[in-house]
PDB file of N, CA and C in Angstrom:
ATOM      1  N   MET A   1       0.505  -1.093   0.044  1.00  0.00           N
ATOM      2  CA  MET A   1      -0.121   0.168   0.017  1.00  0.00           C
ATOM      3  C   MET A   1       0.833   1.211   0.086  1.00  0.00           C
ATOM      4  N   GLU A   2       2.228   1.335   0.698  1.00  0.00           N
ATOM      5  CA  GLU A   2       2.674   2.579   0.871  1.00  0.00           C
ATOM      6  C   GLU A   2       3.647   2.661  -0.422  1.00  0.00           C
ATOM      7  N   GLU A   3       3.914   1.417  -1.235  1.00  0.00           N
ATOM      8  CA  GLU A   3       4.286   1.510  -2.192  1.00  0.00           C
ATOM      9  C   GLU A   3       3.615   2.155  -3.242  1.00  0.00           C
ATOM     10  N   GLU A   4       2.444   1.379  -3.287  1.00  0.00           N
ATOM     11  CA  GLU A   4       1.401   2.094  -4.258  1.00  0.00           C
ATOM     12  C   GLU A   4       1.246   3.693  -3.932  1.00  0.00           C
ATOM     13  N   ASN A   5       1.032   4.006  -2.765  1.00  0.00           N
ATOM     14  CA  ASN A   5       1.014   5.505  -2.676  1.00  0.00           C
ATOM     15  C   ASN A   5       2.313   6.293  -3.019  1.00  0.00           C
ATOM     16  N   MET A   6       3.491   5.827  -3.049  1.00  0.00           N
ATOM     17  CA  MET A   6       4.430   6.493  -3.225  1.00  0.00           C
ATOM     18  C   MET A   6       4.742   6.580  -4.909  1.00  0.00           C
ATOM     19  N   ASN A   7       4.132   5.799  -5.578  1.00  0.00           N
ATOM     20  CA  ASN A   7       3.830   5.574  -6.705  1.00  0.00           C
ATOM     21  C   ASN A   7       3.031   6.933  -7.536  1.00  0.00           C
ATOM     22  N   LEU A   8       1.749   6.528  -6.778  1.00  0.00           N
ATOM     23  CA  LEU A   8       0.752   8.054  -7.122  1.00  0.00           C
ATOM     24  C   LEU A   8       1.269   9.102  -6.889  1.00  0.00           C
ATOM     25  N   ARG A   9       2.009   9.427  -5.920  1.00  0.00           N
ATOM     26  CA  ARG A   9       2.679  10.511  -5.820  1.00  0.00           C
ATOM     27  C   ARG A   9       3.721  10.797  -6.694  1.00  0.00           C
ATOM     28  N   LEU A  10       4.216  10.067  -7.239  1.00  0.00           N
ATOM     29  CA  LEU A  10       5.612  10.305  -8.519  1.00  0.00           C
ATOM     30  C   LEU A  10       4.853  10.560  -9.511  1.00  0.00           C
ATOM     31  N   ASP A  11       3.518   9.762  -9.659  1.00  0.00           N
ATOM     32  CA  ASP A  11       2.779  10.101 -11.187  1.00  0.00           C
ATOM     33  C   ASP A  11       2.119  11.680 -11.122  1.00  0.00           C
ATOM     34  N   VAL A  12       1.916  11.818  -9.890  1.00  0.00           N
ATOM     35  CA  VAL A  12       1.439  13.127  -9.609  1.00  0.00           C
ATOM     36  C   VAL A  12       2.435  14.158 -10.001  1.00  0.00           C
ATOM     37  N   ASP A  13       3.577  14.193  -9.510  1.00  0.00           N
ATOM     38  CA  ASP A  13       4.831  14.797  -9.694  1.00  0.00           C
ATOM     39  C   ASP A  13       5.080  14.876 -11.130  1.00  0.00           C
ATOM     40  N   VAL A  14       4.969  13.906 -11.640  1.00  0.00           N
ATOM     41  CA  VAL A  14       5.449  13.891 -13.406  1.00  0.00           C
ATOM     42  C   VAL A  14       4.250  14.607 -13.698  1.00  0.00           C
ATOM     43  N   GLN A  15       3.176  14.329 -13.626  1.00  0.00           N
ATOM     44  CA  GLN A  15       1.802  15.226 -14.571  1.00  0.00           C
ATOM     45  C   GLN A  15       2.091  16.622 -14.173  1.00  0.00           C
ATOM     46  N   LYS A  16       2.420  17.161 -12.996  1.00  0.00           N
ATOM     47  CA  LYS A  16       2.232  18.395 -12.633  1.00  0.00           C
ATOM     48  C   LYS A  16       3.701  19.105 -13.688  1.00  0.00           C
ATOM     49  N   LEU A  17       4.885  18.313 -13.465  1.00  0.00           N
ATOM     50  CA  LEU A  17       5.614  18.855 -14.582  1.00  0.00           C
ATOM     51  C   LEU A  17       5.612  18.666 -15.759  1.00  0.00           C
ATOM     52  N   GLU A  18       5.078  18.083 -16.434  1.00  0.00           N
ATOM     53  CA  GLU A  18       4.449  18.044 -18.028  1.00  0.00           C
ATOM     54  C   GLU A  18       3.423  18.968 -17.898  1.00  0.00           C
ATOM     55  N   VAL A  19       2.556  19.352 -17.028  1.00  0.00           N
ATOM     56  CA  VAL A  19       1.502  20.612 -17.073  1.00  0.00           C
ATOM     57  C   VAL A  19       1.978  22.028 -17.108  1.00  0.00           C
ATOM     58  N   GLU A  20       3.136  21.862 -16.402  1.00  0.00           N
ATOM     59  CA  GLU A  20       3.942  23.267 -16.208  1.00  0.00           C
ATOM     60  C   GLU A  20       4.980  23.497 -17.818  1.00  0.00           C
ATOM     61  N   SER A  21       5.173  22.421 -18.098  1.00  0.00           N
ATOM     62  CA  SER A  21       6.045  22.212 -19.357  1.00  0.00           C
ATOM     63  C   SER A  21       5.126  22.847 -20.577  1.00  0.00           C
ATOM     64  N   LEU A  22       3.923  22.267 -20.679  1.00  0.00           N
ATOM     65  CA  LEU A  22       2.958  22.534 -21.493  1.00  0.00           C
ATOM     66  C   LEU A  22       2.581  24.048 -21.528  1.00  0.00           C
ATOM     67  N   ARG A  23       2.262  24.405 -20.273  1.00  0.00           N
ATOM     68  CA  ARG A  23       1.842  26.119 -20.081  1.00  0.00           C
ATOM     69  C   ARG A  23       2.905  26.863 -20.534  1.00  0.00           C
ATOM     70  N   LYS A  24       4.195  26.794 -20.294  1.00  0.00           N
ATOM     71  CA  LYS A  24       5.452  27.258 -20.642  1.00  0.00           C
ATOM     72  C   LYS A  24       5.327  27.525 -22.232  1.00  0.00           C
ATOM     73  N   GLY A  25       5.158  26.224 -22.675  1.00  0.00           N
ATOM     74  CA  GLY A  25       5.215  26.186 -24.087  1.00  0.00           C
ATOM     75  C   GLY A  25       3.955  26.765 -24.991  1.00  0.00           C
ATOM     76  N   LYS A  26       2.899  26.685 -24.201  1.00  0.00           N
ATOM     77  CA  LYS A  26       1.847  27.704 -24.617  1.00  0.00           C
ATOM     78  C   LYS A  26       1.961  29.105 -24.683  1.00  0.00           C
ATOM     79  N   THR A  27       2.310  29.676 -23.557  1.00  0.00           N
ATOM     80  CA  THR A  27       2.991  30.942 -23.394  1.00  0.00           C
ATOM     81  C   THR A  27       3.870  31.354 -24.058  1.00  0.00           C
ATOM     82  N   LYS A  28       4.908  30.617 -24.415  1.00  0.00           N
ATOM     83  CA  LYS A  28       5.761  31.185 -25.702  1.00  0.00           C
ATOM     84  C   LYS A  28       4.959  31.004 -27.205  1.00  0.00           C
ATOM     85  N   ALA A  29       4.420  30.292 -27.254  1.00  0.00           N
ATOM     86  CA  ALA A  29       3.437  30.214 -28.759  1.00  0.00           C
ATOM     87  C   ALA A  29       2.488  31.271 -28.816  1.00  0.00           C
ATOM     88  N   GLU A  30       1.832  31.861 -27.806  1.00  0.00           N
ATOM     89  CA  GLU A  30       1.327  32.936 -27.727  1.00  0.00           C
ATOM     90  C   GLU A  30       1.637  34.129 -27.856  1.00  0.00           C
ATOM     91  N   LYS A  31       3.147  34.299 -27.476  1.00  0.00           N
ATOM     92  CA  LYS A  31       3.986  35.473 -27.587  1.00  0.00           C
ATOM     93  C   LYS A  31       4.255  35.463 -28.756  1.00  0.00           C
ATOM     94  N   ASP A  32       4.952  34.077 -29.461  1.00  0.00           N
ATOM     95  CA  ASP A  32       5.316  34.099 -31.022  1.00  0.00           C
ATOM     96  C   ASP A  32       4.153  34.749 -31.771  1.00  0.00           C
ATOM     97  N   LEU A  33       2.810  34.220 -31.427  1.00  0.00           N
ATOM     98  CA  LEU A  33       1.688  34.595 -32.522  1.00  0.00           C
ATOM     99  C   LEU A  33       1.368  35.959 -32.366  1.00  0.00           C
ATOM    100  N   ASP A  34       1.805  36.695 -31.146  1.00  0.00           N
ATOM    101  CA  ASP A  34       1.388  37.870 -31.235  1.00  0.00           C
ATOM    102  C   ASP A  34       2.290  39.041 -31.809  1.00  0.00           C
ATOM    103  N   SER A  35       3.754  38.276 -31.429  1.00  0.00           N
ATOM    104  CA  SER A  35       4.955  38.844 -32.320  1.00  0.00           C
ATOM    105  C   SER A  35       4.693  38.833 -34.099  1.00  0.00           C
ATOM    106  N   LEU A  36       4.360  37.519 -34.276  1.00  0.00           N
ATOM    107  CA  LEU A  36       3.627  37.415 -36.048  1.00  0.00           C
ATOM    108  C   LEU A  36       2.434  38.575 -36.401  1.00  0.00           C
ATOM    109  N   LYS A  37       1.635  38.524 -35.610  1.00  0.00           N
ATOM    110  CA  LYS A  37       0.551  39.172 -35.932  1.00  0.00           C
ATOM    111  C   LYS A  37       0.989  41.029 -35.793  1.00  0.00           C
ATOM    112  N   THR A  38       1.928  41.158 -35.038  1.00  0.00           N
ATOM    113  CA  THR A  38       2.301  42.706 -35.145  1.00  0.00           C
ATOM    114  C   THR A  38       3.258  43.018 -36.112  1.00  0.00           C
ATOM    115  N   ASP A  39       3.975  41.982 -36.296  1.00  0.00           N
ATOM    116  CA  ASP A  39       4.623  41.805 -37.953  1.00  0.00           C
ATOM    117  C   ASP A  39       4.028  42.205 -39.078  1.00  0.00           C
ATOM    118  N   TYR A  40       3.099  41.325 -38.818  1.00  0.00           N
ATOM    119  CA  TYR A  40       2.031  40.972 -40.343  1.00  0.00           C
ATOM    120  C   TYR A  40       1.259  42.607 -40.560  1.00  0.00           C
ATOM    121  N   LYS A  41       0.893  43.107 -39.386  1.00  0.00           N
ATOM    122  CA  LYS A  41       0.199  44.484 -39.654  1.00  0.00           C
ATOM    123  C   LYS A  41       1.326  45.606 -39.928  1.00  0.00           C
ATOM    124  N   LYS A  42       2.614  45.515 -39.565  1.00  0.00           N
ATOM    125  CA  LYS A  42       3.436  46.348 -40.213  1.00  0.00           C
ATOM    126  C   LYS A  42       3.843  46.037 -41.402  1.00  0.00           C
ATOM    127  N   LEU A  43       3.684  44.916 -41.863  1.00  0.00           N
ATOM    128  CA  LEU A  43       3.923  44.312 -43.443  1.00  0.00           C
ATOM    129  C   LEU A  43       2.822  45.134 -44.115  1.00  0.00           C
ATOM    130  N   ARG A  44       1.660  44.982 -43.857  1.00  0.00           N
ATOM    131  CA  ARG A  44       0.565  44.993 -44.571  1.00  0.00           C
ATOM    132  C   ARG A  44       0.438  46.643 -44.767  1.00  0.00           C
ATOM    133  N   LEU A  45       0.772  47.703 -43.687  1.00  0.00           N
ATOM    134  CA  LEU A  45       0.512  49.116 -43.904  1.00  0.00           C
ATOM    135  C   LEU A  45       1.826  49.433 -44.836  1.00  0.00           C
ATOM    136  N   SER A  46       3.193  48.816 -44.484  1.00  0.00           N
ATOM    137  CA  SER A  46       4.045  49.223 -46.080  1.00  0.00           C
ATOM    138  C   SER A  46       3.860  49.148 -47.048  1.00  0.00           C
ATOM    139  N   MET A  47       3.230  47.874 -47.100  1.00  0.00           N
ATOM    140  CA  MET A  47       2.654  47.669 -48.307  1.00  0.00           C
ATOM    141  C   MET A  47       1.759  48.321 -49.299  1.00  0.00           C
ATOM    142  N   ARG A  48       0.675  48.868 -48.443  1.00  0.00           N
ATOM    143  CA  ARG A  48      -0.279  49.720 -48.780  1.00  0.00           C
ATOM    144  C   ARG A  48       0.083  51.219 -48.790  1.00  0.00           C
ATOM    145  N   THR A  49       1.134  51.551 -47.972  1.00  0.00           N
ATOM    146  CA  THR A  49       1.793  52.787 -48.081  1.00  0.00           C
ATOM    147  C   THR A  49       2.658  52.921 -49.351  1.00  0.00           C
ATOM    148  N   ALA A  50       3.440  51.648 -50.010  1.00  0.00           N
ATOM    149  CA  ALA A  50       4.131  51.437 -51.017  1.00  0.00           C
ATOM    150  C   ALA A  50       3.291  51.300 -52.439  1.00  0.00           C
ATOM    151  N   GLY A  51       1.978  50.921 -52.178  1.00  0.00           N
ATOM    152  CA  GLY A  51       0.966  50.676 -53.141  1.00  0.00           C
ATOM    153  C   GLY A  51       1.373  49.195 -53.646  1.00  0.00           C
ATOM    154  N   LEU A  52       2.001  48.264 -53.057  1.00  0.00           N
ATOM    155  CA  LEU A  52       2.060  46.933 -53.513  1.00  0.00           C
ATOM    156  C   LEU A  52       1.059  46.050 -53.355  1.00  0.00           C
ATOM    157  N   GLY A  53       0.126  46.536 -52.635  1.00  0.00           N
ATOM    158  CA  GLY A  53      -1.215  45.900 -52.625  1.00  0.00           C
ATOM    159  C   GLY A  53      -2.160  45.754 -53.694  1.00  0.00           C
ATOM    160  N   LYS A  54      -2.115  46.605 -54.878  1.00  0.00           N
ATOM    161  CA  LYS A  54      -2.833  46.912 -55.509  1.00  0.00           C
ATOM    162  C   LYS A  54      -2.829  45.811 -56.940  1.00  0.00           C
ATOM    163  N   THR A  55      -4.256  45.732 -57.165  1.00  0.00           N
ATOM    164  CA  THR A  55      -3.998  44.977 -58.490  1.00  0.00           C
ATOM    165  C   THR A  55      -3.670  45.651 -59.578  1.00  0.00           C
ATOM    166  N   SER A  56      -3.478  44.903 -60.497  1.00  0.00           N
ATOM    167  CA  SER A  56      -3.021  45.381 -61.789  1.00  0.00           C
ATOM    168  C   SER A  56      -4.317  46.342 -62.504  1.00  0.00           C
ATOM    169  N   GLU A  57      -5.496  45.974 -62.347  1.00  0.00           N
ATOM    170  CA  GLU A  57      -6.498  46.902 -62.604  1.00  0.00           C
ATOM    171  C   GLU A  57      -6.805  48.058 -61.988  1.00  0.00           C
ATOM    172  N   GLN A  58      -6.385  48.249 -60.540  1.00  0.00           N
ATOM    173  CA  GLN A  58      -6.357  49.209 -59.569  1.00  0.00           C
ATOM    174  C   GLN A  58      -5.289  50.227 -60.232  1.00  0.00           C
ATOM    175  N   TRP A  59      -4.086  49.568 -60.570  1.00  0.00           N
ATOM    176  CA  TRP A  59      -3.010  50.410 -61.105  1.00  0.00           C
ATOM    177  C   TRP A  59      -3.332  51.010 -62.436  1.00  0.00           C
ATOM    178  N   ARG A  60      -3.841  50.462 -63.311  1.00  0.00           N
ATOM    179  CA  ARG A  60      -4.602  50.782 -64.562  1.00  0.00           C
ATOM    180  C   ARG A  60      -5.471  51.952 -64.266  1.00  0.00           C
ATOM    181  N   GLU A  61      -6.481  51.962 -63.306  1.00  0.00           N
ATOM    182  CA  GLU A  61      -7.383  53.252 -63.157  1.00  0.00           C
ATOM    183  C   GLU A  61      -6.264  54.162 -62.517  1.00  0.00           C
ATOM    184  N   GLY A  62      -5.586  54.010 -61.427  1.00  0.00           N
ATOM    185  CA  GLY A  62      -4.853  54.991 -61.194  1.00  0.00           C
ATOM    186  C   GLY A  62      -4.007  56.015 -62.113  1.00  0.00           C
ATOM    187  N   ILE A  63      -3.480  54.965 -62.956  1.00  0.00           N
ATOM    188  CA  ILE A  63      -2.748  55.851 -64.340  1.00  0.00           C
ATOM    189  C   ILE A  63      -3.423  56.247 -65.150  1.00  0.00           C
ATOM    190  N   GLN A  64      -4.844  56.114 -65.195  1.00  0.00           N
ATOM    191  CA  GLN A  64      -5.843  56.461 -66.237  1.00  0.00           C
ATOM    192  C   GLN A  64      -6.201  57.837 -65.701  1.00  0.00           C
ATOM    193  N   GLU A  65      -6.204  57.794 -64.365  1.00  0.00           N
ATOM    194  CA  GLU A  65      -6.774  59.193 -63.424  1.00  0.00           C
ATOM    195  C   GLU A  65      -5.705  60.211 -63.834  1.00  0.00           C
ATOM    196  N   GLU A  66      -4.581  59.975 -63.530  1.00  0.00           N
ATOM    197  CA  GLU A  66      -3.414  60.960 -63.904  1.00  0.00           C
ATOM    198  C   GLU A  66      -3.354  61.294 -65.033  1.00  0.00           C
ATOM    199  N   LYS A  67      -3.683  60.577 -66.251  1.00  0.00           N
ATOM    200  CA  LYS A  67      -3.536  60.701 -67.616  1.00  0.00           C
ATOM    201  C   LYS A  67      -4.755  62.025 -67.818  1.00  0.00           C
ATOM    202  N   ASP A  68      -5.824  61.533 -67.324  1.00  0.00           N
ATOM    203  CA  ASP A  68      -6.751  62.312 -67.326  1.00  0.00           C
ATOM    204  C   ASP A  68      -6.615  63.868 -66.716  1.00  0.00           C
ATOM    205  N   LYS A  69      -5.857  63.914 -65.582  1.00  0.00           N
ATOM    206  CA  LYS A  69      -5.880  65.133 -64.995  1.00  0.00           C
ATOM    207  C   LYS A  69      -4.463  66.117 -65.928  1.00  0.00           C
ATOM    208  N   ALA A  70      -3.659  65.015 -66.366  1.00  0.00           N
ATOM    209  CA  ALA A  70      -2.557  65.839 -67.133  1.00  0.00           C
ATOM    210  C   ALA A  70      -3.356  66.543 -68.344  1.00  0.00           C
ATOM    211  N   ASP A  71      -4.152  65.720 -69.088  1.00  0.00           N
ATOM    212  CA  ASP A  71      -4.763  66.225 -70.270  1.00  0.00           C
ATOM    213  C   ASP A  71      -5.404  67.180 -69.758  1.00  0.00           C
ATOM    214  N   SER A  72      -6.473  67.466 -68.902  1.00  0.00           N
ATOM    215  CA  SER A  72      -7.173  68.220 -68.461  1.00  0.00           C
ATOM    216  C   SER A  72      -6.166  69.805 -68.286  1.00  0.00           C
ATOM    217  N   TRP A  73      -5.310  69.556 -67.854  1.00  0.00           N
ATOM    218  CA  TRP A  73      -4.058  70.755 -67.468  1.00  0.00           C
ATOM    219  C   TRP A  73      -3.852  71.380 -69.003  1.00  0.00           C
ATOM    220  N   GLU A  74      -3.275  70.348 -69.937  1.00  0.00           N
ATOM    221  CA  GLU A  74      -2.644  70.458 -71.172  1.00  0.00           C
ATOM    222  C   GLU A  74      -4.170  71.291 -71.902  1.00  0.00           C
ATOM    223  N   ARG A  75      -5.142  71.092 -71.751  1.00  0.00           N
ATOM    224  CA  ARG A  75      -6.316  71.501 -72.484  1.00  0.00           C
ATOM    225  C   ARG A  75      -6.471  73.075 -72.109  1.00  0.00           C
ATOM    226  N   LYS A  76      -6.369  73.288 -70.460  1.00  0.00           N
ATOM    227  CA  LYS A  76      -6.516  74.581 -70.055  1.00  0.00           C
ATOM    228  C   LYS A  76      -5.024  75.449 -70.343  1.00  0.00           C
ATOM    229  N   PHE A  77      -3.939  74.748 -70.471  1.00  0.00           N
ATOM    230  CA  PHE A  77      -2.885  75.656 -70.883  1.00  0.00           C
ATOM    231  C   PHE A  77      -2.917  76.226 -72.222  1.00  0.00           C
ATOM    232  N   GLN A  78      -3.337  75.130 -73.178  1.00  0.00           N
ATOM    233  CA  GLN A  78      -3.653  75.396 -74.537  1.00  0.00           C
ATOM    234  C   GLN A  78      -4.700  76.430 -74.561  1.00  0.00           C
ATOM    235  N   LYS A  79      -5.541  76.689 -74.016  1.00  0.00           N
ATOM    236  CA  LYS A  79      -6.600  77.588 -73.895  1.00  0.00           C
ATOM    237  C   LYS A  79      -6.168  79.089 -73.515  1.00  0.00           C
ATOM    238  N   VAL A  80      -5.203  79.041 -72.924  1.00  0.00           N
ATOM    239  CA  VAL A  80      -4.550  80.121 -72.141  1.00  0.00           C
ATOM    240  C   VAL A  80      -3.780  80.715 -73.425  1.00  0.00           C
ATOM    241  N   GLN A  81      -2.710  79.916 -73.841  1.00  0.00           N
ATOM    242  CA  GLN A  81      -1.907  80.150 -74.979  1.00  0.00           C
ATOM    243  C   GLN A  81      -2.670  80.523 -76.213  1.00  0.00           C
ATOM    244  N   THR A  82      -3.923  80.532 -76.557  1.00  0.00           N
ATOM    245  CA  THR A  82      -4.592  80.679 -77.595  1.00  0.00           C
ATOM    246  C   THR A  82      -5.356  82.020 -77.771  1.00  0.00           C
ATOM    247  N   ARG A  83      -5.480  82.180 -76.272  1.00  0.00           N
ATOM    248  CA  ARG A  83      -6.293  83.839 -75.767  1.00  0.00           C
ATOM    249  C   ARG A  83      -5.431  84.802 -75.843  1.00  0.00           C
ATOM    250  N   ASN A  84      -3.601  84.496 -75.558  1.00  0.00           N
ATOM    251  CA  ASN A  84      -2.393  85.689 -75.681  1.00  0.00           C
ATOM    252  C   ASN A  84      -2.526  85.610 -77.110  1.00  0.00           C
TER     253      ASN A  84
END
């Protein structure tokens, strides 16, 4: 009976060590995940800032808008030139 109690206590001690090890691993994994999330957010922000997240269609639309603006300014300039 005493030997069985000693074995049970050893089993409990081993289980406690395993639980503690798992908790430490979980904590580390959570910290790593938080760090990855932060890095991902920073990456997405810099991609947005640099315009790297645009599709080719969005780039075409943006370029067309700029061309339209340039054409408009060119027409205004031509009008002013013809008046003088």
